[in-house]
Amino acid sequence: MTTYVVLLNWTEQGVKNVRESPKRLDAAKKMLGDMGGSFKHFFLTMGEYDMVAICEAPDDAVAARFAMTLGMGGNVRTRTLKAFPEAAYRELVASLG
């Protein structure tokens, strides 16, 4: 599984209906699970982003489909970062020669 950092901001619609956001989070977790992925961590954050999720997905196509489906709901905008674990980081740096 590949790890992704998903940065989320509420849209005007999403923050207007913020009381429903825990139900939307549960639905997002189920949706990603149905796609073969999972949420590893979820955080409400202060600063530039409203929320951060650490997710796993089988591949980039699943991660992209998940992000687009979230966006279609109109409650959040996402930025998705592919994350390399420390071992992969060390291997990449070592391969630089």
PDB file of N, CA and C in Angstrom:
ATOM      1  N   MET A   1       0.846  -1.191   0.000  1.00  0.00           N
ATOM      2  CA  MET A   1       0.000   0.000   0.000  1.00  0.00           C
ATOM      3  C   MET A   1       0.884   1.245   0.000  1.00  0.00           C
ATOM      4  N   THR A   2       0.401   2.240  -0.672  1.00  0.00           N
ATOM      5  CA  THR A   2       1.092   3.526  -0.725  1.00  0.00           C
ATOM      6  C   THR A   2       0.439   4.483   0.272  1.00  0.00           C
ATOM      7  N   THR A   3       1.244   5.291   0.919  1.00  0.00           N
ATOM      8  CA  THR A   3       0.745   6.251   1.897  1.00  0.00           C
ATOM      9  C   THR A   3       0.559   7.613   1.235  1.00  0.00           C
ATOM     10  N   TYR A   4      -0.510   8.300   1.609  1.00  0.00           N
ATOM     11  CA  TYR A   4      -0.822   9.630   1.095  1.00  0.00           C
ATOM     12  C   TYR A   4      -1.168  10.544   2.265  1.00  0.00           C
ATOM     13  N   VAL A   5      -0.688  11.768   2.194  1.00  0.00           N
ATOM     14  CA  VAL A   5      -1.080  12.810   3.141  1.00  0.00           C
ATOM     15  C   VAL A   5      -2.134  13.644   2.416  1.00  0.00           C
ATOM     16  N   VAL A   6      -3.317  13.708   2.990  1.00  0.00           N
ATOM     17  CA  VAL A   6      -4.415  14.453   2.374  1.00  0.00           C
ATOM     18  C   VAL A   6      -4.679  15.695   3.220  1.00  0.00           C
ATOM     19  N   LEU A   7      -4.476  16.858   2.611  1.00  0.00           N
ATOM     20  CA  LEU A   7      -4.713  18.138   3.275  1.00  0.00           C
ATOM     21  C   LEU A   7      -6.089  18.613   2.844  1.00  0.00           C
ATOM     22  N   LEU A   8      -6.929  18.959   3.809  1.00  0.00           N
ATOM     23  CA  LEU A   8      -8.313  19.309   3.501  1.00  0.00           C
ATOM     24  C   LEU A   8      -8.699  20.675   4.049  1.00  0.00           C
ATOM     25  N   ASN A   9      -9.480  21.382   3.274  1.00  0.00           N
ATOM     26  CA  ASN A   9     -10.105  22.628   3.712  1.00  0.00           C
ATOM     27  C   ASN A   9     -11.591  22.541   3.448  1.00  0.00           C
ATOM     28  N   TRP A  10     -12.364  23.006   4.425  1.00  0.00           N
ATOM     29  CA  TRP A  10     -13.801  23.086   4.209  1.00  0.00           C
ATOM     30  C   TRP A  10     -14.109  24.147   3.168  1.00  0.00           C
ATOM     31  N   THR A  11     -15.092  23.883   2.355  1.00  0.00           N
ATOM     32  CA  THR A  11     -15.648  24.907   1.485  1.00  0.00           C
ATOM     33  C   THR A  11     -16.659  25.696   2.308  1.00  0.00           C
ATOM     34  N   GLU A  12     -17.219  26.721   1.726  1.00  0.00           N
ATOM     35  CA  GLU A  12     -18.269  27.475   2.422  1.00  0.00           C
ATOM     36  C   GLU A  12     -19.422  26.551   2.802  1.00  0.00           C
ATOM     37  N   GLN A  13     -19.804  25.676   1.879  1.00  0.00           N
ATOM     38  CA  GLN A  13     -20.872  24.701   2.149  1.00  0.00           C
ATOM     39  C   GLN A  13     -20.474  23.770   3.291  1.00  0.00           C
ATOM     40  N   GLY A  14     -19.228  23.298   3.270  1.00  0.00           N
ATOM     41  CA  GLY A  14     -18.776  22.349   4.286  1.00  0.00           C
ATOM     42  C   GLY A  14     -18.750  22.934   5.681  1.00  0.00           C
ATOM     43  N   VAL A  15     -18.291  24.167   5.820  1.00  0.00           N
ATOM     44  CA  VAL A  15     -18.235  24.771   7.147  1.00  0.00           C
ATOM     45  C   VAL A  15     -19.626  25.189   7.611  1.00  0.00           C
ATOM     46  N   LYS A  16     -20.484  25.562   6.679  1.00  0.00           N
ATOM     47  CA  LYS A  16     -21.861  25.910   7.044  1.00  0.00           C
ATOM     48  C   LYS A  16     -22.558  24.706   7.680  1.00  0.00           C
ATOM     49  N   ASN A  17     -22.226  23.524   7.207  1.00  0.00           N
ATOM     50  CA  ASN A  17     -22.835  22.284   7.707  1.00  0.00           C
ATOM     51  C   ASN A  17     -21.818  21.471   8.525  1.00  0.00           C
ATOM     52  N   VAL A  18     -20.974  22.161   9.285  1.00  0.00           N
ATOM     53  CA  VAL A  18     -19.881  21.501  10.001  1.00  0.00           C
ATOM     54  C   VAL A  18     -20.385  20.460  11.002  1.00  0.00           C
ATOM     55  N   ARG A  19     -21.564  20.638  11.531  1.00  0.00           N
ATOM     56  CA  ARG A  19     -22.093  19.653  12.492  1.00  0.00           C
ATOM     57  C   ARG A  19     -22.268  18.280  11.853  1.00  0.00           C
ATOM     58  N   GLU A  20     -22.387  18.247  10.535  1.00  0.00           N
ATOM     59  CA  GLU A  20     -22.535  16.975   9.817  1.00  0.00           C
ATOM     60  C   GLU A  20     -21.179  16.365   9.449  1.00  0.00           C
ATOM     61  N   SER A  21     -20.095  17.076   9.709  1.00  0.00           N
ATOM     62  CA  SER A  21     -18.793  16.613   9.243  1.00  0.00           C
ATOM     63  C   SER A  21     -18.354  15.269   9.835  1.00  0.00           C
ATOM     64  N   PRO A  22     -18.673  14.928  11.088  1.00  0.00           N
ATOM     65  CA  PRO A  22     -18.300  13.582  11.550  1.00  0.00           C
ATOM     66  C   PRO A  22     -18.973  12.477  10.728  1.00  0.00           C
ATOM     67  N   LYS A  23     -20.207  12.690  10.327  1.00  0.00           N
ATOM     68  CA  LYS A  23     -20.883  11.696   9.474  1.00  0.00           C
ATOM     69  C   LYS A  23     -20.216  11.636   8.105  1.00  0.00           C
ATOM     70  N   ARG A  24     -19.796  12.793   7.590  1.00  0.00           N
ATOM     71  CA  ARG A  24     -19.108  12.816   6.291  1.00  0.00           C
ATOM     72  C   ARG A  24     -17.760  12.105   6.394  1.00  0.00           C
ATOM     73  N   LEU A  25     -17.073  12.267   7.523  1.00  0.00           N
ATOM     74  CA  LEU A  25     -15.807  11.567   7.731  1.00  0.00           C
ATOM     75  C   LEU A  25     -16.037  10.058   7.742  1.00  0.00           C
ATOM     76  N   ASP A  26     -17.066   9.617   8.449  1.00  0.00           N
ATOM     77  CA  ASP A  26     -17.378   8.183   8.474  1.00  0.00           C
ATOM     78  C   ASP A  26     -17.665   7.663   7.066  1.00  0.00           C
ATOM     79  N   ALA A  27     -18.401   8.447   6.276  1.00  0.00           N
ATOM     80  CA  ALA A  27     -18.715   8.049   4.900  1.00  0.00           C
ATOM     81  C   ALA A  27     -17.443   7.999   4.052  1.00  0.00           C
ATOM     82  N   ALA A  28     -16.523   8.953   4.261  1.00  0.00           N
ATOM     83  CA  ALA A  28     -15.259   8.967   3.511  1.00  0.00           C
ATOM     84  C   ALA A  28     -14.417   7.748   3.874  1.00  0.00           C
ATOM     85  N   LYS A  29     -14.377   7.397   5.152  1.00  0.00           N
ATOM     86  CA  LYS A  29     -13.631   6.219   5.574  1.00  0.00           C
ATOM     87  C   LYS A  29     -14.183   4.955   4.918  1.00  0.00           C
ATOM     88  N   LYS A  30     -15.499   4.854   4.874  1.00  0.00           N
ATOM     89  CA  LYS A  30     -16.132   3.694   4.237  1.00  0.00           C
ATOM     90  C   LYS A  30     -15.834   3.682   2.741  1.00  0.00           C
ATOM     91  N   MET A  31     -15.943   4.838   2.112  1.00  0.00           N
ATOM     92  CA  MET A  31     -15.705   4.923   0.680  1.00  0.00           C
ATOM     93  C   MET A  31     -14.276   4.479   0.341  1.00  0.00           C
ATOM     94  N   LEU A  32     -13.290   4.999   1.066  1.00  0.00           N
ATOM     95  CA  LEU A  32     -11.909   4.612   0.804  1.00  0.00           C
ATOM     96  C   LEU A  32     -11.712   3.125   1.084  1.00  0.00           C
ATOM     97  N   GLY A  33     -12.333   2.636   2.136  1.00  0.00           N
ATOM     98  CA  GLY A  33     -12.265   1.205   2.434  1.00  0.00           C
ATOM     99  C   GLY A  33     -12.822   0.360   1.302  1.00  0.00           C
ATOM    100  N   ASP A  34     -13.942   0.794   0.743  1.00  0.00           N
ATOM    101  CA  ASP A  34     -14.540   0.075  -0.388  1.00  0.00           C
ATOM    102  C   ASP A  34     -13.639   0.098  -1.618  1.00  0.00           C
ATOM    103  N   MET A  35     -12.766   1.104  -1.707  1.00  0.00           N
ATOM    104  CA  MET A  35     -11.823   1.216  -2.824  1.00  0.00           C
ATOM    105  C   MET A  35     -10.538   0.419  -2.558  1.00  0.00           C
ATOM    106  N   GLY A  36     -10.445  -0.184  -1.385  1.00  0.00           N
ATOM    107  CA  GLY A  36      -9.272  -0.982  -1.052  1.00  0.00           C
ATOM    108  C   GLY A  36      -8.240  -0.261  -0.209  1.00  0.00           C
ATOM    109  N   GLY A  37      -8.566   0.951   0.262  1.00  0.00           N
ATOM    110  CA  GLY A  37      -7.640   1.731   1.073  1.00  0.00           C
ATOM    111  C   GLY A  37      -8.121   1.872   2.499  1.00  0.00           C
ATOM    112  N   SER A  38      -7.462   2.749   3.243  1.00  0.00           N
ATOM    113  CA  SER A  38      -7.869   2.992   4.628  1.00  0.00           C
ATOM    114  C   SER A  38      -7.302   4.308   5.139  1.00  0.00           C
ATOM    115  N   PHE A  39      -7.951   4.828   6.158  1.00  0.00           N
ATOM    116  CA  PHE A  39      -7.442   5.978   6.910  1.00  0.00           C
ATOM    117  C   PHE A  39      -6.549   5.425   8.007  1.00  0.00           C
ATOM    118  N   LYS A  40      -5.361   5.963   8.143  1.00  0.00           N
ATOM    119  CA  LYS A  40      -4.474   5.574   9.235  1.00  0.00           C
ATOM    120  C   LYS A  40      -4.567   6.577  10.381  1.00  0.00           C
ATOM    121  N   HIS A  41      -4.716   7.865  10.046  1.00  0.00           N
ATOM    122  CA  HIS A  41      -4.846   8.918  11.050  1.00  0.00           C
ATOM    123  C   HIS A  41      -5.706  10.032  10.466  1.00  0.00           C
ATOM    124  N   PHE A  42      -6.397  10.723  11.346  1.00  0.00           N
ATOM    125  CA  PHE A  42      -7.171  11.901  10.951  1.00  0.00           C
ATOM    126  C   PHE A  42      -7.000  12.953  12.031  1.00  0.00           C
ATOM    127  N   PHE A  43      -6.762  14.201  11.608  1.00  0.00           N
ATOM    128  CA  PHE A  43      -6.563  15.296  12.555  1.00  0.00           C
ATOM    129  C   PHE A  43      -7.370  16.510  12.142  1.00  0.00           C
ATOM    130  N   LEU A  44      -8.010  17.155  13.091  1.00  0.00           N
ATOM    131  CA  LEU A  44      -8.533  18.510  12.924  1.00  0.00           C
ATOM    132  C   LEU A  44      -7.333  19.402  13.208  1.00  0.00           C
ATOM    133  N   THR A  45      -7.059  20.368  12.328  1.00  0.00           N
ATOM    134  CA  THR A  45      -5.856  21.170  12.491  1.00  0.00           C
ATOM    135  C   THR A  45      -6.177  22.656  12.516  1.00  0.00           C
ATOM    136  N   MET A  46      -5.229  23.413  13.021  1.00  0.00           N
ATOM    137  CA  MET A  46      -5.324  24.867  13.038  1.00  0.00           C
ATOM    138  C   MET A  46      -4.235  25.393  12.123  1.00  0.00           C
ATOM    139  N   GLY A  47      -4.545  26.386  11.337  1.00  0.00           N
ATOM    140  CA  GLY A  47      -3.554  26.940  10.429  1.00  0.00           C
ATOM    141  C   GLY A  47      -4.088  26.945   9.010  1.00  0.00           C
ATOM    142  N   GLU A  48      -3.214  26.689   8.052  1.00  0.00           N
ATOM    143  CA  GLU A  48      -3.577  26.779   6.639  1.00  0.00           C
ATOM    144  C   GLU A  48      -4.618  25.743   6.226  1.00  0.00           C
ATOM    145  N   TYR A  49      -4.600  24.581   6.864  1.00  0.00           N
ATOM    146  CA  TYR A  49      -5.545  23.511   6.520  1.00  0.00           C
ATOM    147  C   TYR A  49      -6.452  23.218   7.704  1.00  0.00           C
ATOM    148  N   ASP A  50      -7.687  22.846   7.397  1.00  0.00           N
ATOM    149  CA  ASP A  50      -8.674  22.547   8.439  1.00  0.00           C
ATOM    150  C   ASP A  50      -8.513  21.143   8.997  1.00  0.00           C
ATOM    151  N   MET A  51      -8.084  20.214   8.130  1.00  0.00           N
ATOM    152  CA  MET A  51      -7.943  18.815   8.524  1.00  0.00           C
ATOM    153  C   MET A  51      -6.781  18.207   7.762  1.00  0.00           C
ATOM    154  N   VAL A  52      -6.200  17.149   8.350  1.00  0.00           N
ATOM    155  CA  VAL A  52      -5.157  16.374   7.688  1.00  0.00           C
ATOM    156  C   VAL A  52      -5.484  14.906   7.913  1.00  0.00           C
ATOM    157  N   ALA A  53      -5.406  14.135   6.836  1.00  0.00           N
ATOM    158  CA  ALA A  53      -5.616  12.693   6.938  1.00  0.00           C
ATOM    159  C   ALA A  53      -4.392  11.977   6.382  1.00  0.00           C
ATOM    160  N   ILE A  54      -3.996  10.918   7.043  1.00  0.00           N
ATOM    161  CA  ILE A  54      -2.956  10.031   6.546  1.00  0.00           C
ATOM    162  C   ILE A  54      -3.691   8.776   6.092  1.00  0.00           C
ATOM    163  N   CYS A  55      -3.608   8.507   4.801  1.00  0.00           N
ATOM    164  CA  CYS A  55      -4.369   7.404   4.216  1.00  0.00           C
ATOM    165  C   CYS A  55      -3.450   6.457   3.480  1.00  0.00           C
ATOM    166  N   GLU A  56      -3.931   5.249   3.257  1.00  0.00           N
ATOM    167  CA  GLU A  56      -3.256   4.291   2.404  1.00  0.00           C
ATOM    168  C   GLU A  56      -4.205   3.896   1.295  1.00  0.00           C
ATOM    169  N   ALA A  57      -3.644   3.708   0.106  1.00  0.00           N
ATOM    170  CA  ALA A  57      -4.431   3.267  -1.047  1.00  0.00           C
ATOM    171  C   ALA A  57      -3.568   2.316  -1.866  1.00  0.00           C
ATOM    172  N   PRO A  58      -4.199   1.427  -2.623  1.00  0.00           N
ATOM    173  CA  PRO A  58      -3.433   0.463  -3.412  1.00  0.00           C
ATOM    174  C   PRO A  58      -2.548   1.113  -4.477  1.00  0.00           C
ATOM    175  N   ASP A  59      -2.978   2.259  -5.013  1.00  0.00           N
ATOM    176  CA  ASP A  59      -2.193   2.917  -6.056  1.00  0.00           C
ATOM    177  C   ASP A  59      -2.655   4.361  -6.228  1.00  0.00           C
ATOM    178  N   ASP A  60      -1.941   5.085  -7.097  1.00  0.00           N
ATOM    179  CA  ASP A  60      -2.240   6.500  -7.316  1.00  0.00           C
ATOM    180  C   ASP A  60      -3.629   6.714  -7.913  1.00  0.00           C
ATOM    181  N   ALA A  61      -4.079   5.795  -8.756  1.00  0.00           N
ATOM    182  CA  ALA A  61      -5.400   5.942  -9.370  1.00  0.00           C
ATOM    183  C   ALA A  61      -6.501   5.904  -8.313  1.00  0.00           C
ATOM    184  N   VAL A  62      -6.382   5.026  -7.348  1.00  0.00           N
ATOM    185  CA  VAL A  62      -7.373   4.952  -6.267  1.00  0.00           C
ATOM    186  C   VAL A  62      -7.323   6.223  -5.440  1.00  0.00           C
ATOM    187  N   ALA A  63      -6.131   6.704  -5.117  1.00  0.00           N
ATOM    188  CA  ALA A  63      -6.004   7.939  -4.338  1.00  0.00           C
ATOM    189  C   ALA A  63      -6.626   9.114  -5.091  1.00  0.00           C
ATOM    190  N   ALA A  64      -6.390   9.184  -6.391  1.00  0.00           N
ATOM    191  CA  ALA A  64      -6.965  10.268  -7.201  1.00  0.00           C
ATOM    192  C   ALA A  64      -8.480  10.170  -7.260  1.00  0.00           C
ATOM    193  N   ARG A  65      -8.994   8.962  -7.459  1.00  0.00           N
ATOM    194  CA  ARG A  65     -10.451   8.772  -7.506  1.00  0.00           C
ATOM    195  C   ARG A  65     -11.085   9.152  -6.174  1.00  0.00           C
ATOM    196  N   PHE A  66     -10.430   8.792  -5.078  1.00  0.00           N
ATOM    197  CA  PHE A  66     -10.930   9.137  -3.748  1.00  0.00           C
ATOM    198  C   PHE A  66     -10.980  10.650  -3.572  1.00  0.00           C
ATOM    199  N   ALA A  67      -9.905  11.347  -3.926  1.00  0.00           N
ATOM    200  CA  ALA A  67      -9.856  12.807  -3.780  1.00  0.00           C
ATOM    201  C   ALA A  67     -10.909  13.483  -4.653  1.00  0.00           C
ATOM    202  N   MET A  68     -11.065  13.005  -5.878  1.00  0.00           N
ATOM    203  CA  MET A  68     -12.068  13.609  -6.767  1.00  0.00           C
ATOM    204  C   MET A  68     -13.480  13.374  -6.251  1.00  0.00           C
ATOM    205  N   THR A  69     -13.726  12.184  -5.727  1.00  0.00           N
ATOM    206  CA  THR A  69     -15.054  11.880  -5.190  1.00  0.00           C
ATOM    207  C   THR A  69     -15.357  12.748  -3.983  1.00  0.00           C
ATOM    208  N   LEU A  70     -14.359  12.954  -3.117  1.00  0.00           N
ATOM    209  CA  LEU A  70     -14.554  13.865  -1.977  1.00  0.00           C
ATOM    210  C   LEU A  70     -14.912  15.259  -2.469  1.00  0.00           C
ATOM    211  N   GLY A  71     -14.174  15.753  -3.448  1.00  0.00           N
ATOM    212  CA  GLY A  71     -14.414  17.087  -3.991  1.00  0.00           C
ATOM    213  C   GLY A  71     -15.795  17.232  -4.610  1.00  0.00           C
ATOM    214  N   MET A  72     -16.285  16.164  -5.227  1.00  0.00           N
ATOM    215  CA  MET A  72     -17.606  16.215  -5.856  1.00  0.00           C
ATOM    216  C   MET A  72     -18.716  16.486  -4.847  1.00  0.00           C
ATOM    217  N   GLY A  73     -18.484  16.126  -3.574  1.00  0.00           N
ATOM    218  CA  GLY A  73     -19.487  16.368  -2.541  1.00  0.00           C
ATOM    219  C   GLY A  73     -19.665  17.840  -2.217  1.00  0.00           C
ATOM    220  N   GLY A  74     -18.679  18.660  -2.564  1.00  0.00           N
ATOM    221  CA  GLY A  74     -18.779  20.093  -2.369  1.00  0.00           C
ATOM    222  C   GLY A  74     -18.492  20.594  -0.971  1.00  0.00           C
ATOM    223  N   ASN A  75     -18.067  19.703  -0.067  1.00  0.00           N
ATOM    224  CA  ASN A  75     -17.828  20.115   1.320  1.00  0.00           C
ATOM    225  C   ASN A  75     -16.365  20.397   1.635  1.00  0.00           C
ATOM    226  N   VAL A  76     -15.465  19.818   0.852  1.00  0.00           N
ATOM    227  CA  VAL A  76     -14.038  20.014   1.083  1.00  0.00           C
ATOM    228  C   VAL A  76     -13.297  20.159  -0.241  1.00  0.00           C
ATOM    229  N   ARG A  77     -12.145  20.798  -0.133  1.00  0.00           N
ATOM    230  CA  ARG A  77     -11.163  20.818  -1.215  1.00  0.00           C
ATOM    231  C   ARG A  77      -9.938  20.082  -0.667  1.00  0.00           C
ATOM    232  N   THR A  78      -9.291  19.317  -1.530  1.00  0.00           N
ATOM    233  CA  THR A  78      -8.170  18.497  -1.065  1.00  0.00           C
ATOM    234  C   THR A  78      -6.887  18.815  -1.814  1.00  0.00           C
ATOM    235  N   ARG A  79      -5.791  18.524  -1.146  1.00  0.00           N
ATOM    236  CA  ARG A  79      -4.456  18.464  -1.754  1.00  0.00           C
ATOM    237  C   ARG A  79      -3.877  17.154  -1.272  1.00  0.00           C
ATOM    238  N   THR A  80      -3.448  16.342  -2.200  1.00  0.00           N
ATOM    239  CA  THR A  80      -2.955  15.009  -1.855  1.00  0.00           C
ATOM    240  C   THR A  80      -1.465  14.910  -2.156  1.00  0.00           C
ATOM    241  N   LEU A  81      -0.719  14.451  -1.175  1.00  0.00           N
ATOM    242  CA  LEU A  81       0.724  14.283  -1.292  1.00  0.00           C
ATOM    243  C   LEU A  81       1.060  12.802  -1.178  1.00  0.00           C
ATOM    244  N   LYS A  82       1.800  12.286  -2.134  1.00  0.00           N
ATOM    245  CA  LYS A  82       2.285  10.911  -2.026  1.00  0.00           C
ATOM    246  C   LYS A  82       3.439  10.921  -1.036  1.00  0.00           C
ATOM    247  N   ALA A  83       3.413  10.019  -0.072  1.00  0.00           N
ATOM    248  CA  ALA A  83       4.417  10.001   0.991  1.00  0.00           C
ATOM    249  C   ALA A  83       5.302   8.756   0.878  1.00  0.00           C
ATOM    250  N   PHE A  84       6.604   8.973   0.971  1.00  0.00           N
ATOM    251  CA  PHE A  84       7.562   7.877   0.945  1.00  0.00           C
ATOM    252  C   PHE A  84       8.014   7.604   2.379  1.00  0.00           C
ATOM    253  N   PRO A  85       7.947   6.371   2.841  1.00  0.00           N
ATOM    254  CA  PRO A  85       8.395   6.067   4.203  1.00  0.00           C
ATOM    255  C   PRO A  85       9.915   6.245   4.321  1.00  0.00           C
ATOM    256  N   GLU A  86      10.387   6.275   5.546  1.00  0.00           N
ATOM    257  CA  GLU A  86      11.808   6.538   5.785  1.00  0.00           C
ATOM    258  C   GLU A  86      12.716   5.575   5.039  1.00  0.00           C
ATOM    259  N   ALA A  87      12.375   4.312   5.016  1.00  0.00           N
ATOM    260  CA  ALA A  87      13.229   3.329   4.334  1.00  0.00           C
ATOM    261  C   ALA A  87      13.354   3.658   2.844  1.00  0.00           C
ATOM    262  N   ALA A  88      12.240   4.034   2.223  1.00  0.00           N
ATOM    263  CA  ALA A  88      12.275   4.399   0.802  1.00  0.00           C
ATOM    264  C   ALA A  88      13.076   5.676   0.596  1.00  0.00           C
ATOM    265  N   TYR A  89      12.922   6.617   1.497  1.00  0.00           N
ATOM    266  CA  TYR A  89      13.709   7.865   1.443  1.00  0.00           C
ATOM    267  C   TYR A  89      15.194   7.552   1.468  1.00  0.00           C
ATOM    268  N   ARG A  90      15.608   6.720   2.413  1.00  0.00           N
ATOM    269  CA  ARG A  90      17.026   6.375   2.541  1.00  0.00           C
ATOM    270  C   ARG A  90      17.534   5.653   1.289  1.00  0.00           C
ATOM    271  N   GLU A  91      16.718   4.777   0.739  1.00  0.00           N
ATOM    272  CA  GLU A  91      17.089   4.055  -0.471  1.00  0.00           C
ATOM    273  C   GLU A  91      17.235   5.000  -1.654  1.00  0.00           C
ATOM    274  N   LEU A  92      16.309   5.946  -1.780  1.00  0.00           N
ATOM    275  CA  LEU A  92      16.386   6.918  -2.870  1.00  0.00           C
ATOM    276  C   LEU A  92      17.644   7.781  -2.763  1.00  0.00           C
ATOM    277  N   VAL A  93      17.924   8.248  -1.558  1.00  0.00           N
ATOM    278  CA  VAL A  93      19.108   9.088  -1.375  1.00  0.00           C
ATOM    279  C   VAL A  93      20.378   8.287  -1.650  1.00  0.00           C
ATOM    280  N   ALA A  94      20.424   7.043  -1.181  1.00  0.00           N
ATOM    281  CA  ALA A  94      21.592   6.201  -1.405  1.00  0.00           C
ATOM    282  C   ALA A  94      21.821   5.920  -2.887  1.00  0.00           C
ATOM    283  N   SER A  95      20.765   5.908  -3.663  1.00  0.00           N
ATOM    284  CA  SER A  95      20.877   5.599  -5.091  1.00  0.00           C
ATOM    285  C   SER A  95      21.374   6.774  -5.919  1.00  0.00           C
ATOM    286  N   LEU A  96      21.544   7.939  -5.289  1.00  0.00           N
ATOM    287  CA  LEU A  96      21.958   9.118  -6.033  1.00  0.00           C
ATOM    288  C   LEU A  96      23.400   9.043  -6.523  1.00  0.00           C
ATOM    289  N   GLY A  97      24.203   8.196  -5.899  1.00  0.00           N
ATOM    290  CA  GLY A  97      25.557   7.972  -6.366  1.00  0.00           C
ATOM    291  C   GLY A  97      26.576   8.963  -5.980  1.00  0.00           C
TER     292      GLY A  97
END
